[in-house]
Amino acid sequence: MGSRRAKKKAAVTNYNPNTRKRKWKASRKLSKITCGVVRHAWDPRFTVAENMTKMGLAYDPNQAIPIPLSKDALDPATLDEDPELKAFLENSEKKKKTPKNKTRVIEALERQAGKVQPLGVRLSQPEVEYCVYMLDKYVDNYKAMAKDKRNYYQDTPKQIKKKIRKFINIPGQYKEYLESKKQNVVEACPTDVMDET
């Protein structure tokens, strides 16, 4: 509970700052750069276009990879007849920039892109338990799985098949299931049968 003076002071609005100008300045600020390589190479003294060209990256993709014009699609027979058009096309080809040497930023980005990223797809624990239960009980009888009492969401056989395929395609979780199943088989088998095989 603040004093009456403190409450009154907190309620006062400052009309001096130009909110429109403040919002415009905030919108002009560069958003946070998530790529670490680019963030470290960034120089705040230069514009975005200058920074990108110094790094060897394209600022404008339309200029970096131009869309071929209709004049490029002309057949060669027309080019032979018109010498002015032929000279113009030769001059435009000369003006095209040759690619620069790779900068350290491009090399770092290529190394980063070359690394194989593990898939981050994982099923939740209840879904894994659901799939394990269905596989243990019915193996591949999806119609019987659809009629099971644990099918709370009333999935159709195709939906259950899709869930189980998704579970099988996640190597980490499926490998755990196979190892636990293998341990259960080893524990269930008597030692006499194990020695015979």
N, C-alpha and C. Protein backbone atom coordinates (compact mmCIF):
# COMPACT_ATOMS: atom_id res chain seq x y z
N MET A 1 0.84 -1.18 0.00
CA MET A 1 0.00 0.00 0.00
C MET A 1 0.88 1.24 0.00
N GLY A 2 0.93 1.92 -1.13
CA GLY A 2 1.74 3.13 -1.23
C GLY A 2 0.98 4.33 -0.69
N SER A 3 1.73 5.41 -0.47
CA SER A 3 1.10 6.63 0.02
C SER A 3 0.30 7.27 -1.12
N ARG A 4 -0.54 8.23 -0.73
CA ARG A 4 -1.39 8.90 -1.69
C ARG A 4 -0.53 9.65 -2.72
N ARG A 5 0.56 10.26 -2.27
CA ARG A 5 1.43 11.02 -3.16
C ARG A 5 2.10 10.09 -4.19
N ALA A 6 2.54 8.89 -3.75
CA ALA A 6 3.18 7.94 -4.64
C ALA A 6 2.21 7.44 -5.70
N LYS A 7 0.97 7.18 -5.30
CA LYS A 7 -0.04 6.71 -6.25
C LYS A 7 -0.33 7.78 -7.30
N LYS A 8 -0.42 9.04 -6.85
CA LYS A 8 -0.73 10.13 -7.76
C LYS A 8 0.42 10.34 -8.75
N LYS A 9 1.66 10.21 -8.25
CA LYS A 9 2.83 10.40 -9.09
C LYS A 9 2.91 9.29 -10.15
N ALA A 10 2.56 8.07 -9.78
CA ALA A 10 2.60 6.95 -10.71
C ALA A 10 1.56 7.09 -11.81
N ALA A 11 0.45 7.76 -11.52
CA ALA A 11 -0.63 7.90 -12.48
C ALA A 11 -0.36 9.00 -13.51
N VAL A 12 0.64 9.85 -13.27
CA VAL A 12 0.92 10.96 -14.18
C VAL A 12 1.56 10.42 -15.45
N THR A 13 1.11 10.93 -16.61
CA THR A 13 1.65 10.51 -17.90
C THR A 13 2.58 11.59 -18.43
N ASN A 14 3.65 11.20 -19.04
CA ASN A 14 4.58 12.14 -19.65
C ASN A 14 4.18 12.32 -21.11
N TYR A 15 3.74 13.50 -21.46
CA TYR A 15 3.26 13.75 -22.81
C TYR A 15 4.37 14.28 -23.73
N ASN A 16 5.55 14.51 -23.21
CA ASN A 16 6.62 15.10 -24.00
C ASN A 16 7.18 14.19 -25.09
N PRO A 17 7.51 12.91 -24.81
CA PRO A 17 8.14 12.11 -25.85
C PRO A 17 7.20 11.83 -27.01
N ASN A 18 7.74 11.85 -28.18
CA ASN A 18 6.97 11.58 -29.37
C ASN A 18 6.90 10.07 -29.56
N THR A 19 5.76 9.49 -29.26
CA THR A 19 5.63 8.02 -29.29
C THR A 19 5.75 7.49 -30.71
N ARG A 20 5.28 8.27 -31.68
CA ARG A 20 5.36 7.82 -33.06
C ARG A 20 6.83 7.68 -33.49
N LYS A 21 7.63 8.67 -33.12
CA LYS A 21 9.06 8.64 -33.47
C LYS A 21 9.75 7.49 -32.74
N ARG A 22 9.38 7.25 -31.48
CA ARG A 22 9.98 6.17 -30.71
C ARG A 22 9.67 4.80 -31.34
N LYS A 23 8.41 4.62 -31.75
CA LYS A 23 8.02 3.37 -32.39
C LYS A 23 8.76 3.17 -33.71
N TRP A 24 8.94 4.27 -34.46
CA TRP A 24 9.64 4.19 -35.74
C TRP A 24 11.09 3.79 -35.51
N LYS A 25 11.74 4.38 -34.49
CA LYS A 25 13.13 4.04 -34.19
C LYS A 25 13.25 2.58 -33.76
N ALA A 26 12.27 2.12 -32.97
CA ALA A 26 12.30 0.73 -32.52
C ALA A 26 12.15 -0.23 -33.70
N SER A 27 11.33 0.16 -34.68
CA SER A 27 11.14 -0.71 -35.84
C SER A 27 12.37 -0.73 -36.74
N ARG A 28 13.18 0.33 -36.71
CA ARG A 28 14.37 0.42 -37.54
C ARG A 28 15.54 -0.38 -36.94
N LYS A 29 15.45 -0.73 -35.67
CA LYS A 29 16.54 -1.48 -35.04
C LYS A 29 16.64 -2.86 -35.66
N LEU A 30 17.86 -3.33 -35.77
CA LEU A 30 18.11 -4.64 -36.34
C LEU A 30 17.70 -5.71 -35.34
N SER A 31 16.97 -6.70 -35.80
CA SER A 31 16.56 -7.77 -34.90
C SER A 31 17.78 -8.61 -34.52
N LYS A 32 17.63 -9.39 -33.49
CA LYS A 32 18.75 -10.20 -32.99
C LYS A 32 19.14 -11.25 -34.03
N ILE A 33 20.42 -11.35 -34.32
CA ILE A 33 20.93 -12.31 -35.29
C ILE A 33 21.13 -13.64 -34.59
N THR A 34 20.42 -14.66 -35.06
CA THR A 34 20.48 -15.96 -34.39
C THR A 34 21.68 -16.79 -34.81
N CYS A 35 22.18 -16.57 -36.03
CA CYS A 35 23.33 -17.34 -36.51
C CYS A 35 24.60 -16.78 -35.88
N GLY A 36 25.30 -17.61 -35.13
CA GLY A 36 26.49 -17.17 -34.40
C GLY A 36 27.62 -16.70 -35.30
N VAL A 37 27.82 -17.37 -36.42
CA VAL A 37 28.91 -17.01 -37.33
C VAL A 37 28.69 -15.60 -37.88
N VAL A 38 27.47 -15.32 -38.32
CA VAL A 38 27.15 -14.00 -38.88
C VAL A 38 27.19 -12.94 -37.78
N ARG A 39 26.71 -13.29 -36.58
CA ARG A 39 26.69 -12.34 -35.47
C ARG A 39 28.10 -11.87 -35.12
N HIS A 40 29.08 -12.81 -35.11
CA HIS A 40 30.45 -12.45 -34.76
C HIS A 40 31.12 -11.61 -35.85
N ALA A 41 30.72 -11.83 -37.10
CA ALA A 41 31.33 -11.09 -38.21
C ALA A 41 30.64 -9.75 -38.45
N TRP A 42 29.52 -9.50 -37.78
CA TRP A 42 28.73 -8.29 -38.01
C TRP A 42 29.43 -7.06 -37.45
N ASP A 43 29.43 -5.99 -38.23
CA ASP A 43 30.02 -4.72 -37.81
C ASP A 43 28.91 -3.68 -37.76
N PRO A 44 28.54 -3.20 -36.56
CA PRO A 44 27.38 -2.29 -36.46
C PRO A 44 27.61 -0.93 -37.11
N ARG A 45 28.85 -0.61 -37.47
CA ARG A 45 29.11 0.68 -38.10
C ARG A 45 28.65 0.71 -39.56
N PHE A 46 28.48 -0.47 -40.17
CA PHE A 46 28.11 -0.52 -41.58
C PHE A 46 26.64 -0.88 -41.73
N THR A 47 26.10 -0.62 -42.92
CA THR A 47 24.71 -0.96 -43.22
C THR A 47 24.59 -2.46 -43.41
N VAL A 48 23.35 -2.93 -43.52
CA VAL A 48 23.10 -4.36 -43.70
C VAL A 48 23.71 -4.83 -45.02
N ALA A 49 23.50 -4.06 -46.09
CA ALA A 49 24.02 -4.46 -47.40
C ALA A 49 25.54 -4.52 -47.40
N GLU A 50 26.20 -3.54 -46.76
CA GLU A 50 27.66 -3.54 -46.71
C GLU A 50 28.19 -4.72 -45.90
N ASN A 51 27.55 -5.00 -44.77
CA ASN A 51 27.96 -6.15 -43.96
C ASN A 51 27.84 -7.45 -44.76
N MET A 52 26.73 -7.60 -45.46
CA MET A 52 26.50 -8.84 -46.21
C MET A 52 27.53 -9.00 -47.32
N THR A 53 27.85 -7.91 -48.04
CA THR A 53 28.83 -8.03 -49.12
C THR A 53 30.23 -8.30 -48.57
N LYS A 54 30.57 -7.74 -47.41
CA LYS A 54 31.88 -8.01 -46.82
C LYS A 54 32.00 -9.48 -46.39
N MET A 55 30.88 -10.05 -45.98
CA MET A 55 30.89 -11.46 -45.59
C MET A 55 30.86 -12.39 -46.80
N GLY A 56 30.52 -11.84 -47.96
CA GLY A 56 30.43 -12.65 -49.17
C GLY A 56 29.05 -13.27 -49.36
N LEU A 57 28.05 -12.73 -48.65
CA LEU A 57 26.69 -13.23 -48.75
C LEU A 57 25.87 -12.28 -49.63
N ALA A 58 24.77 -12.77 -50.15
CA ALA A 58 23.92 -11.96 -51.02
C ALA A 58 22.91 -11.19 -50.18
N TYR A 59 22.86 -9.89 -50.39
CA TYR A 59 21.86 -9.06 -49.71
C TYR A 59 20.55 -9.13 -50.47
N ASP A 60 20.62 -9.03 -51.78
CA ASP A 60 19.43 -9.08 -52.62
C ASP A 60 19.50 -10.33 -53.49
N PRO A 61 18.66 -11.32 -53.23
CA PRO A 61 18.74 -12.56 -54.00
C PRO A 61 18.41 -12.36 -55.47
N ASN A 62 17.62 -11.32 -55.79
CA ASN A 62 17.29 -11.07 -57.19
C ASN A 62 18.51 -10.61 -57.98
N GLN A 63 19.44 -9.92 -57.32
CA GLN A 63 20.66 -9.52 -58.00
C GLN A 63 21.69 -10.65 -58.00
N ALA A 64 21.70 -11.45 -56.96
CA ALA A 64 22.68 -12.53 -56.87
C ALA A 64 22.41 -13.61 -57.91
N ILE A 65 21.17 -14.00 -58.05
CA ILE A 65 20.78 -15.00 -59.05
C ILE A 65 19.69 -14.37 -59.90
N PRO A 66 20.06 -13.65 -60.95
CA PRO A 66 19.06 -12.95 -61.74
C PRO A 66 18.18 -13.90 -62.53
N ILE A 67 16.94 -13.48 -62.72
CA ILE A 67 16.01 -14.25 -63.53
C ILE A 67 16.33 -13.95 -64.99
N PRO A 68 16.48 -14.97 -65.82
CA PRO A 68 16.84 -14.71 -67.22
C PRO A 68 15.75 -13.91 -67.92
N LEU A 69 16.19 -12.94 -68.68
CA LEU A 69 15.27 -12.08 -69.41
C LEU A 69 14.82 -12.76 -70.70
N SER A 70 13.79 -12.21 -71.29
CA SER A 70 13.28 -12.80 -72.53
C SER A 70 14.29 -12.67 -73.66
N LYS A 71 15.15 -11.65 -73.58
CA LYS A 71 16.16 -11.48 -74.63
C LYS A 71 17.14 -12.65 -74.65
N ASP A 72 17.34 -13.29 -73.48
CA ASP A 72 18.24 -14.43 -73.42
C ASP A 72 17.62 -15.66 -74.09
N ALA A 73 16.31 -15.66 -74.19
CA ALA A 73 15.62 -16.81 -74.75
C ALA A 73 15.51 -16.73 -76.28
N LEU A 74 16.01 -15.66 -76.86
CA LEU A 74 15.94 -15.52 -78.31
C LEU A 74 16.76 -16.62 -78.99
N ASP A 75 16.28 -17.02 -80.13
CA ASP A 75 17.01 -18.07 -80.84
C ASP A 75 18.24 -17.48 -81.51
N PRO A 76 19.30 -18.27 -81.74
CA PRO A 76 20.55 -17.77 -82.31
C PRO A 76 20.40 -17.19 -83.72
N ALA A 77 19.40 -17.64 -84.44
CA ALA A 77 19.22 -17.13 -85.81
C ALA A 77 18.91 -15.64 -85.78
N THR A 78 18.13 -15.20 -84.81
CA THR A 78 17.79 -13.78 -84.69
C THR A 78 19.02 -12.97 -84.29
N LEU A 79 19.90 -13.54 -83.47
CA LEU A 79 21.10 -12.84 -83.03
C LEU A 79 22.05 -12.56 -84.20
N ASP A 80 22.15 -13.49 -85.11
CA ASP A 80 23.04 -13.30 -86.26
C ASP A 80 22.56 -12.17 -87.17
N GLU A 81 21.24 -12.01 -87.26
CA GLU A 81 20.69 -10.98 -88.14
C GLU A 81 20.86 -9.58 -87.56
N ASP A 82 20.78 -9.43 -86.23
CA ASP A 82 20.82 -8.11 -85.61
C ASP A 82 22.15 -7.92 -84.88
N PRO A 83 23.11 -7.17 -85.44
CA PRO A 83 24.42 -7.00 -84.80
C PRO A 83 24.36 -6.14 -83.54
N GLU A 84 23.42 -5.19 -83.47
CA GLU A 84 23.31 -4.34 -82.27
C GLU A 84 22.90 -5.16 -81.05
N LEU A 85 21.94 -6.03 -81.26
CA LEU A 85 21.46 -6.89 -80.17
C LEU A 85 22.58 -7.82 -79.70
N LYS A 86 23.35 -8.33 -80.64
CA LYS A 86 24.44 -9.22 -80.31
C LYS A 86 25.50 -8.49 -79.48
N ALA A 87 25.83 -7.25 -79.85
CA ALA A 87 26.82 -6.45 -79.11
C ALA A 87 26.31 -6.12 -77.71
N PHE A 88 25.03 -5.81 -77.61
CA PHE A 88 24.44 -5.49 -76.31
C PHE A 88 24.51 -6.70 -75.37
N LEU A 89 24.20 -7.87 -75.87
CA LEU A 89 24.25 -9.08 -75.04
C LEU A 89 25.67 -9.41 -74.61
N GLU A 90 26.64 -9.19 -75.48
CA GLU A 90 28.04 -9.45 -75.12
C GLU A 90 28.51 -8.51 -74.02
N ASN A 91 28.10 -7.23 -74.11
CA ASN A 91 28.47 -6.25 -73.07
C ASN A 91 27.84 -6.60 -71.73
N SER A 92 26.58 -7.05 -71.75
CA SER A 92 25.91 -7.40 -70.49
C SER A 92 26.56 -8.61 -69.84
N GLU A 93 27.09 -9.54 -70.64
CA GLU A 93 27.77 -10.71 -70.09
C GLU A 93 29.10 -10.32 -69.45
N LYS A 94 29.77 -9.33 -70.02
CA LYS A 94 31.04 -8.87 -69.46
C LYS A 94 30.83 -8.19 -68.11
N LYS A 95 29.68 -7.52 -67.95
CA LYS A 95 29.41 -6.77 -66.73
C LYS A 95 29.08 -7.68 -65.55
N LYS A 96 28.73 -8.92 -65.84
CA LYS A 96 28.39 -9.83 -64.75
C LYS A 96 29.60 -10.02 -63.84
N LYS A 97 29.34 -9.98 -62.56
CA LYS A 97 30.42 -10.07 -61.58
C LYS A 97 30.94 -11.50 -61.49
N THR A 98 32.22 -11.62 -61.37
CA THR A 98 32.82 -12.93 -61.16
C THR A 98 32.73 -13.25 -59.67
N PRO A 99 32.54 -14.49 -59.29
CA PRO A 99 32.43 -14.82 -57.87
C PRO A 99 33.73 -14.54 -57.13
N LYS A 100 33.59 -13.98 -55.93
CA LYS A 100 34.75 -13.66 -55.10
C LYS A 100 35.27 -14.90 -54.40
N ASN A 101 36.46 -14.77 -53.86
CA ASN A 101 37.01 -15.87 -53.07
C ASN A 101 36.15 -16.08 -51.84
N LYS A 102 36.14 -17.29 -51.36
CA LYS A 102 35.33 -17.59 -50.18
C LYS A 102 35.89 -16.88 -48.96
N THR A 103 34.99 -16.26 -48.22
CA THR A 103 35.41 -15.60 -46.98
C THR A 103 35.33 -16.60 -45.85
N ARG A 104 35.86 -16.21 -44.72
CA ARG A 104 35.84 -17.13 -43.57
C ARG A 104 34.41 -17.36 -43.09
N VAL A 105 33.52 -16.39 -43.31
CA VAL A 105 32.12 -16.55 -42.90
C VAL A 105 31.46 -17.63 -43.74
N ILE A 106 31.69 -17.59 -45.06
CA ILE A 106 31.09 -18.59 -45.94
C ILE A 106 31.63 -19.98 -45.60
N GLU A 107 32.92 -20.07 -45.36
CA GLU A 107 33.51 -21.37 -45.01
C GLU A 107 32.92 -21.91 -43.72
N ALA A 108 32.74 -21.03 -42.73
CA ALA A 108 32.15 -21.47 -41.45
C ALA A 108 30.70 -21.90 -41.64
N LEU A 109 29.95 -21.16 -42.46
CA LEU A 109 28.56 -21.52 -42.72
C LEU A 109 28.47 -22.86 -43.46
N GLU A 110 29.39 -23.09 -44.41
CA GLU A 110 29.39 -24.37 -45.13
C GLU A 110 29.74 -25.52 -44.20
N ARG A 111 30.70 -25.30 -43.29
CA ARG A 111 31.03 -26.35 -42.32
C ARG A 111 29.83 -26.66 -41.43
N GLN A 112 29.16 -25.59 -41.01
CA GLN A 112 28.00 -25.75 -40.14
C GLN A 112 26.87 -26.48 -40.87
N ALA A 113 26.69 -26.17 -42.16
CA ALA A 113 25.64 -26.83 -42.94
C ALA A 113 26.01 -28.28 -43.25
N GLY A 114 27.31 -28.59 -43.30
CA GLY A 114 27.75 -29.94 -43.61
C GLY A 114 27.57 -30.92 -42.46
N LYS A 115 27.46 -30.40 -41.24
CA LYS A 115 27.28 -31.28 -40.09
C LYS A 115 25.89 -31.91 -40.12
N VAL A 116 25.82 -33.18 -39.83
CA VAL A 116 24.54 -33.87 -39.80
C VAL A 116 23.88 -33.58 -38.46
N GLN A 117 22.70 -33.00 -38.53
CA GLN A 117 21.96 -32.67 -37.31
C GLN A 117 21.04 -33.84 -36.97
N PRO A 118 21.07 -34.31 -35.73
CA PRO A 118 20.17 -35.40 -35.36
C PRO A 118 18.72 -34.92 -35.35
N LEU A 119 17.85 -35.82 -35.74
CA LEU A 119 16.43 -35.46 -35.74
C LEU A 119 15.95 -35.31 -34.31
N GLY A 120 15.25 -34.24 -34.06
CA GLY A 120 14.77 -33.98 -32.71
C GLY A 120 13.36 -34.49 -32.48
N VAL A 121 12.88 -35.38 -33.35
CA VAL A 121 11.51 -35.88 -33.22
C VAL A 121 11.49 -36.97 -32.17
N ARG A 122 10.63 -36.79 -31.20
CA ARG A 122 10.44 -37.82 -30.18
C ARG A 122 8.97 -37.85 -29.81
N LEU A 123 8.48 -39.02 -29.50
CA LEU A 123 7.10 -39.15 -29.04
C LEU A 123 7.06 -38.92 -27.54
N SER A 124 5.91 -38.48 -27.07
CA SER A 124 5.76 -38.29 -25.64
C SER A 124 5.68 -39.65 -24.95
N GLN A 125 5.91 -39.66 -23.65
CA GLN A 125 5.94 -40.92 -22.90
C GLN A 125 4.60 -41.68 -22.99
N PRO A 126 3.45 -41.01 -22.84
CA PRO A 126 2.19 -41.77 -22.98
C PRO A 126 2.01 -42.39 -24.36
N GLU A 127 2.44 -41.70 -25.41
CA GLU A 127 2.32 -42.26 -26.76
C GLU A 127 3.23 -43.47 -26.94
N VAL A 128 4.44 -43.39 -26.36
CA VAL A 128 5.36 -44.53 -26.43
C VAL A 128 4.76 -45.72 -25.71
N GLU A 129 4.22 -45.50 -24.52
CA GLU A 129 3.61 -46.59 -23.75
C GLU A 129 2.44 -47.19 -24.52
N TYR A 130 1.65 -46.34 -25.18
CA TYR A 130 0.52 -46.79 -25.98
C TYR A 130 0.99 -47.69 -27.13
N CYS A 131 2.03 -47.25 -27.84
CA CYS A 131 2.56 -48.03 -28.96
C CYS A 131 3.17 -49.35 -28.49
N VAL A 132 3.90 -49.29 -27.39
CA VAL A 132 4.51 -50.51 -26.84
C VAL A 132 3.44 -51.51 -26.43
N TYR A 133 2.40 -51.02 -25.76
CA TYR A 133 1.30 -51.90 -25.33
C TYR A 133 0.64 -52.57 -26.53
N MET A 134 0.37 -51.76 -27.57
CA MET A 134 -0.31 -52.30 -28.76
C MET A 134 0.58 -53.30 -29.50
N LEU A 135 1.87 -52.98 -29.61
CA LEU A 135 2.78 -53.90 -30.29
C LEU A 135 2.93 -55.20 -29.53
N ASP A 136 3.02 -55.12 -28.20
CA ASP A 136 3.18 -56.34 -27.39
C ASP A 136 1.94 -57.21 -27.46
N LYS A 137 0.78 -56.58 -27.46
CA LYS A 137 -0.45 -57.36 -27.38
C LYS A 137 -0.91 -57.86 -28.75
N TYR A 138 -0.84 -56.99 -29.78
CA TYR A 138 -1.45 -57.35 -31.07
C TYR A 138 -0.45 -57.48 -32.22
N VAL A 139 0.80 -57.17 -32.06
CA VAL A 139 1.86 -57.20 -33.06
C VAL A 139 1.51 -56.32 -34.27
N ASP A 140 0.75 -56.84 -35.25
CA ASP A 140 0.40 -56.00 -36.41
C ASP A 140 -1.08 -56.10 -36.78
N ASN A 141 -1.93 -56.47 -35.85
CA ASN A 141 -3.37 -56.54 -36.09
C ASN A 141 -3.99 -55.20 -35.70
N TYR A 142 -4.04 -54.29 -36.66
CA TYR A 142 -4.47 -52.92 -36.37
C TYR A 142 -5.98 -52.82 -36.11
N LYS A 143 -6.76 -53.72 -36.69
CA LYS A 143 -8.21 -53.71 -36.43
C LYS A 143 -8.50 -54.06 -34.98
N ALA A 144 -7.76 -55.03 -34.46
CA ALA A 144 -7.94 -55.41 -33.06
C ALA A 144 -7.45 -54.28 -32.14
N MET A 145 -6.39 -53.58 -32.56
CA MET A 145 -5.90 -52.44 -31.77
C MET A 145 -6.95 -51.35 -31.67
N ALA A 146 -7.69 -51.13 -32.76
CA ALA A 146 -8.71 -50.09 -32.77
C ALA A 146 -9.84 -50.43 -31.81
N LYS A 147 -10.08 -51.73 -31.57
CA LYS A 147 -11.16 -52.13 -30.68
C LYS A 147 -10.72 -52.30 -29.23
N ASP A 148 -9.43 -52.12 -28.98
CA ASP A 148 -8.89 -52.30 -27.63
C ASP A 148 -9.43 -51.24 -26.68
N LYS A 149 -9.54 -51.61 -25.38
CA LYS A 149 -10.08 -50.68 -24.38
C LYS A 149 -9.13 -49.51 -24.11
N ARG A 150 -7.83 -49.66 -24.42
CA ARG A 150 -6.88 -48.58 -24.18
C ARG A 150 -6.82 -47.57 -25.33
N ASN A 151 -7.61 -47.79 -26.35
CA ASN A 151 -7.69 -46.85 -27.46
C ASN A 151 -8.63 -45.71 -27.05
N TYR A 152 -8.14 -44.87 -26.14
CA TYR A 152 -8.97 -43.82 -25.54
C TYR A 152 -9.42 -42.78 -26.57
N TYR A 153 -8.56 -42.49 -27.52
CA TYR A 153 -8.89 -41.45 -28.49
C TYR A 153 -9.65 -41.99 -29.69
N GLN A 154 -10.03 -43.25 -29.64
CA GLN A 154 -10.80 -43.91 -30.68
C GLN A 154 -10.14 -43.75 -32.04
N ASP A 155 -8.84 -44.06 -32.07
CA ASP A 155 -8.11 -43.98 -33.33
C ASP A 155 -8.56 -45.10 -34.25
N THR A 156 -8.57 -44.80 -35.54
CA THR A 156 -8.90 -45.81 -36.54
C THR A 156 -7.66 -46.69 -36.74
N PRO A 157 -7.84 -47.85 -37.39
CA PRO A 157 -6.67 -48.70 -37.64
C PRO A 157 -5.54 -47.99 -38.40
N LYS A 158 -5.90 -47.14 -39.37
CA LYS A 158 -4.88 -46.41 -40.12
C LYS A 158 -4.15 -45.41 -39.23
N GLN A 159 -4.87 -44.75 -38.34
CA GLN A 159 -4.23 -43.79 -37.43
C GLN A 159 -3.27 -44.51 -36.47
N ILE A 160 -3.69 -45.67 -36.00
CA ILE A 160 -2.82 -46.45 -35.10
C ILE A 160 -1.57 -46.92 -35.86
N LYS A 161 -1.76 -47.36 -37.10
CA LYS A 161 -0.63 -47.80 -37.91
C LYS A 161 0.36 -46.66 -38.12
N LYS A 162 -0.16 -45.45 -38.35
CA LYS A 162 0.70 -44.28 -38.55
C LYS A 162 1.47 -43.95 -37.27
N LYS A 163 0.81 -44.05 -36.11
CA LYS A 163 1.49 -43.79 -34.83
C LYS A 163 2.61 -44.80 -34.60
N ILE A 164 2.32 -46.07 -34.87
CA ILE A 164 3.31 -47.12 -34.64
C ILE A 164 4.48 -46.98 -35.62
N ARG A 165 4.20 -46.61 -36.87
CA ARG A 165 5.29 -46.37 -37.84
C ARG A 165 6.16 -45.22 -37.37
N LYS A 166 5.53 -44.18 -36.84
CA LYS A 166 6.28 -43.04 -36.33
C LYS A 166 7.17 -43.48 -35.18
N PHE A 167 6.66 -44.31 -34.31
CA PHE A 167 7.42 -44.83 -33.17
C PHE A 167 8.60 -45.67 -33.66
N ILE A 168 8.38 -46.50 -34.68
CA ILE A 168 9.44 -47.36 -35.21
C ILE A 168 10.52 -46.53 -35.89
N ASN A 169 10.15 -45.41 -36.51
CA ASN A 169 11.11 -44.58 -37.25
C ASN A 169 11.95 -43.69 -36.35
N ILE A 170 11.67 -43.66 -35.05
CA ILE A 170 12.51 -42.91 -34.12
C ILE A 170 13.49 -43.90 -33.51
N PRO A 171 14.74 -43.89 -33.97
CA PRO A 171 15.67 -44.96 -33.58
C PRO A 171 15.94 -45.05 -32.09
N GLY A 172 16.05 -43.92 -31.40
CA GLY A 172 16.39 -43.96 -29.98
C GLY A 172 15.32 -44.67 -29.16
N GLN A 173 14.07 -44.28 -29.36
CA GLN A 173 12.99 -44.85 -28.57
C GLN A 173 12.69 -46.30 -28.98
N TYR A 174 12.75 -46.59 -30.28
CA TYR A 174 12.46 -47.94 -30.73
C TYR A 174 13.56 -48.91 -30.28
N LYS A 175 14.82 -48.44 -30.27
CA LYS A 175 15.93 -49.28 -29.83
C LYS A 175 15.76 -49.66 -28.35
N GLU A 176 15.33 -48.68 -27.53
CA GLU A 176 15.07 -48.97 -26.12
C GLU A 176 14.00 -50.05 -25.98
N TYR A 177 12.95 -49.95 -26.79
CA TYR A 177 11.87 -50.93 -26.75
C TYR A 177 12.38 -52.32 -27.12
N LEU A 178 13.20 -52.39 -28.19
CA LEU A 178 13.72 -53.69 -28.61
C LEU A 178 14.63 -54.31 -27.56
N GLU A 179 15.48 -53.46 -26.93
CA GLU A 179 16.38 -53.97 -25.89
C GLU A 179 15.60 -54.47 -24.68
N SER A 180 14.56 -53.74 -24.28
CA SER A 180 13.75 -54.20 -23.15
C SER A 180 13.02 -55.49 -23.49
N LYS A 181 12.58 -55.61 -24.74
CA LYS A 181 11.89 -56.82 -25.17
C LYS A 181 12.86 -58.01 -25.17
N LYS A 182 14.12 -57.74 -25.61
CA LYS A 182 15.13 -58.79 -25.64
C LYS A 182 15.45 -59.27 -24.22
N GLN A 183 15.53 -58.33 -23.27
CA GLN A 183 15.79 -58.68 -21.87
C GLN A 183 14.66 -59.51 -21.30
N ASN A 184 13.41 -59.15 -21.65
CA ASN A 184 12.26 -59.91 -21.17
C ASN A 184 12.28 -61.33 -21.71
N VAL A 185 12.69 -61.50 -22.97
CA VAL A 185 12.76 -62.83 -23.57
C VAL A 185 13.85 -63.65 -22.89
N VAL A 186 14.99 -63.03 -22.60
CA VAL A 186 16.09 -63.74 -21.95
C VAL A 186 15.68 -64.16 -20.54
N GLU A 187 14.98 -63.29 -19.82
CA GLU A 187 14.55 -63.61 -18.45
C GLU A 187 13.48 -64.70 -18.45
N ALA A 188 12.61 -64.69 -19.49
CA ALA A 188 11.52 -65.66 -19.53
C ALA A 188 12.00 -67.06 -19.92
N CYS A 189 13.08 -67.14 -20.71
CA CYS A 189 13.58 -68.45 -21.15
C CYS A 189 14.31 -69.15 -20.01
N PRO A 190 14.07 -70.47 -19.83
CA PRO A 190 14.84 -71.20 -18.84
C PRO A 190 16.29 -71.37 -19.32
N THR A 191 17.18 -71.60 -18.39
CA THR A 191 18.61 -71.70 -18.72
C THR A 191 18.89 -72.94 -19.57
N ASP A 192 18.09 -74.00 -19.47
CA ASP A 192 18.30 -75.21 -20.27
C ASP A 192 18.15 -74.92 -21.75
N VAL A 193 17.12 -74.13 -22.07
CA VAL A 193 16.85 -73.82 -23.48
C VAL A 193 17.97 -72.90 -24.01
N MET A 194 18.46 -72.00 -23.18
CA MET A 194 19.51 -71.07 -23.60
C MET A 194 20.81 -71.85 -23.94
N ASP A 195 21.08 -72.93 -23.15
CA ASP A 195 22.31 -73.68 -23.37
C ASP A 195 22.24 -74.49 -24.66
N GLU A 196 21.06 -74.97 -25.03
CA GLU A 196 20.91 -75.77 -26.22
C GLU A 196 21.15 -74.97 -27.48
N THR A 197 20.82 -73.68 -27.45
CA THR A 197 20.97 -72.87 -28.67
C THR A 197 22.31 -72.29 -28.77
